[in-house]
Amino acid sequence: MKRKPYTVQEKEELLKSDAIEKVNDYQVTYSNKFKVFAVGEYISGKTPMEIFKEIGINVNILGRKQPQKSLTRWRKIHDLYGVEGLLQERRGIGSKGRPRKIPLSTEEQLLKLQKENEILKEQVSYLKKLRGWE
């Protein structure tokens, strides 16, 4: 992620390339076709900088390290999931989200509180023994 936001001129310059779908203040979203193309070129031996310049992306705006970071990430996805992994949106896949909180019945709440109380009593007695208060 870039430290300072892209200017309006930088955004317009980046969006001239067909490889870039959208640009917001801090992020650039590349097209899936470009990702597949770039990984193929990278595997065949081209450097990330060459690939980005060849397609017409101004690397000075993105930052010198960004092409390498992007291609490393895309190559990892390609190795794990193949070309399909690059073509589909993967954010959120595999995430189970937050666990749902199922309300406990009154009896279950009472049992839970009793267990917590027992644990706390054991902790207090251990600390008392440790400090010699008993």
Protein backbone atom coordinates (compact mmCIF):
# COMPACT_ATOMS: atom_id res chain seq x y z
CA MET A 1 0.00 0.00 0.00
CA LYS A 2 1.28 3.45 -0.90
CA ARG A 3 1.92 5.82 1.96
CA LYS A 4 0.47 8.96 0.42
CA PRO A 5 -2.69 8.99 -1.66
CA TYR A 6 -2.54 9.05 -5.43
CA THR A 7 -3.24 12.44 -6.96
CA VAL A 8 -5.98 12.93 -9.53
CA GLN A 9 -3.35 13.14 -12.29
CA GLU A 10 -1.66 9.93 -11.12
CA LYS A 11 -5.01 8.13 -11.07
CA GLU A 12 -5.81 9.29 -14.59
CA GLU A 13 -2.35 8.22 -15.81
CA LEU A 14 -2.74 4.75 -14.28
CA LEU A 15 -6.25 4.29 -15.67
CA LYS A 16 -4.99 4.84 -19.23
CA SER A 17 -3.65 1.28 -19.16
CA ASP A 18 -6.07 -1.55 -20.00
CA ALA A 19 -4.38 -3.63 -17.31
CA ILE A 20 -5.81 -1.47 -14.53
CA GLU A 21 -9.51 -1.69 -13.70
CA LYS A 22 -9.75 0.93 -10.98
CA VAL A 23 -7.66 3.15 -8.75
CA ASN A 24 -8.68 4.64 -5.44
CA ASP A 25 -6.57 6.85 -3.18
CA TYR A 26 -4.30 4.03 -2.00
CA GLN A 27 -4.99 0.92 -4.11
CA VAL A 28 -4.77 -0.21 -7.70
CA THR A 29 -6.99 -3.04 -8.96
CA TYR A 30 -5.57 -4.94 -11.93
CA SER A 31 -7.63 -6.83 -14.50
CA ASN A 32 -7.68 -10.61 -14.26
CA LYS A 33 -6.43 -10.91 -17.83
CA PHE A 34 -3.39 -8.84 -16.96
CA LYS A 35 -2.66 -10.99 -13.92
CA VAL A 36 -2.71 -14.16 -16.05
CA PHE A 37 -0.56 -12.48 -18.72
CA ALA A 38 1.91 -11.13 -16.16
CA VAL A 39 2.35 -14.49 -14.41
CA GLY A 40 2.91 -16.20 -17.76
CA GLU A 41 5.55 -13.65 -18.74
CA TYR A 42 7.16 -13.90 -15.30
CA ILE A 43 7.38 -17.68 -15.58
CA SER A 44 8.95 -17.32 -19.03
CA GLY A 45 11.73 -15.19 -17.55
CA LYS A 46 10.79 -11.52 -17.74
CA THR A 47 11.26 -9.28 -14.73
CA PRO A 48 8.22 -7.69 -13.06
CA MET A 49 9.46 -4.22 -14.02
CA GLU A 50 9.72 -5.23 -17.70
CA ILE A 51 6.21 -6.68 -17.68
CA PHE A 52 4.63 -3.58 -16.15
CA LYS A 53 6.52 -1.20 -18.46
CA GLU A 54 5.71 -3.32 -21.52
CA ILE A 55 1.99 -3.06 -20.85
CA GLY A 56 2.26 0.72 -20.37
CA ILE A 57 2.00 1.14 -16.61
CA ASN A 58 4.01 4.00 -15.13
CA VAL A 59 6.05 2.25 -12.45
CA ASN A 60 7.25 5.56 -11.00
CA ILE A 61 3.70 6.29 -9.85
CA LEU A 62 3.14 2.84 -8.33
CA GLY A 63 6.51 2.60 -6.67
CA ARG A 64 9.53 0.55 -7.63
CA LYS A 65 8.73 -2.40 -5.36
CA GLN A 66 5.05 -2.74 -6.28
CA PRO A 67 5.49 -4.82 -9.47
CA GLN A 68 7.58 -7.38 -7.60
CA LYS A 69 5.14 -7.53 -4.68
CA SER A 70 2.16 -7.97 -7.00
CA LEU A 71 3.79 -10.66 -9.10
CA THR A 72 4.96 -12.55 -6.03
CA ARG A 73 1.38 -12.57 -4.72
CA TRP A 74 -0.11 -13.56 -8.10
CA ARG A 75 2.49 -16.29 -8.61
CA LYS A 76 1.62 -17.77 -5.23
CA ILE A 77 -2.09 -17.80 -6.13
CA HIS A 78 -1.24 -19.34 -9.53
CA ASP A 79 0.83 -22.08 -7.89
CA LEU A 80 -1.94 -22.92 -5.41
CA TYR A 81 -5.07 -22.59 -7.56
CA GLY A 82 -3.89 -22.34 -11.17
CA VAL A 83 -5.20 -19.83 -13.68
CA GLU A 84 -8.71 -20.15 -12.19
CA GLY A 85 -7.39 -18.68 -8.94
CA LEU A 86 -6.31 -15.55 -10.78
CA LEU A 87 -9.59 -15.22 -12.66
CA GLN A 88 -11.92 -15.34 -9.69
CA GLU A 89 -12.24 -13.08 -6.68
CA ARG A 90 -10.66 -14.90 -3.76
CA ARG A 91 -11.12 -12.44 -0.91
CA GLY A 92 -13.25 -13.92 1.81
CA ILE A 93 -13.14 -17.48 0.45
CA GLY A 94 -12.30 -19.90 3.22
CA SER A 95 -13.20 -17.45 5.90
CA LYS A 96 -15.84 -18.71 8.25
CA GLY A 97 -16.48 -15.28 9.65
CA ARG A 98 -17.20 -14.58 13.25
CA PRO A 99 -18.67 -17.42 15.25
CA ARG A 100 -22.33 -16.92 15.91
CA LYS A 101 -23.35 -16.45 19.48
CA ILE A 102 -26.21 -18.76 20.25
CA PRO A 103 -28.12 -17.66 23.34
CA LEU A 104 -27.75 -20.09 26.21
CA SER A 105 -30.65 -21.33 28.23
CA THR A 106 -30.90 -20.27 31.87
CA GLU A 107 -29.61 -23.67 33.06
CA GLU A 108 -26.63 -23.52 30.68
CA GLN A 109 -25.83 -19.98 31.85
CA LEU A 110 -25.96 -21.14 35.47
CA LEU A 111 -23.63 -24.08 34.78
CA LYS A 112 -21.21 -21.83 32.93
CA LEU A 113 -21.16 -19.33 35.80
CA GLN A 114 -20.63 -22.12 38.35
CA LYS A 115 -17.64 -23.46 36.38
CA GLU A 116 -16.16 -19.97 36.11
CA ASN A 117 -16.69 -19.48 39.85
CA GLU A 118 -14.89 -22.77 40.64
CA ILE A 119 -11.96 -21.81 38.41
CA LEU A 120 -11.69 -18.40 40.07
CA LYS A 121 -11.78 -19.97 43.55
CA GLU A 122 -8.97 -22.34 42.55
CA GLN A 123 -6.92 -19.44 41.23
CA VAL A 124 -7.44 -17.42 44.41
CA SER A 125 -6.45 -20.35 46.64
CA TYR A 126 -3.35 -20.99 44.52
CA LEU A 127 -2.31 -17.34 44.81
CA LYS A 128 -2.91 -17.39 48.57
CA LYS A 129 -0.67 -20.46 48.93
CA LEU A 130 1.96 -18.88 46.71
CA ARG A 131 2.07 -15.72 48.82
CA GLY A 132 1.74 -17.55 52.12
CA TRP A 133 -1.54 -15.98 53.19
CA GLU A 134 -3.08 -19.18 54.43
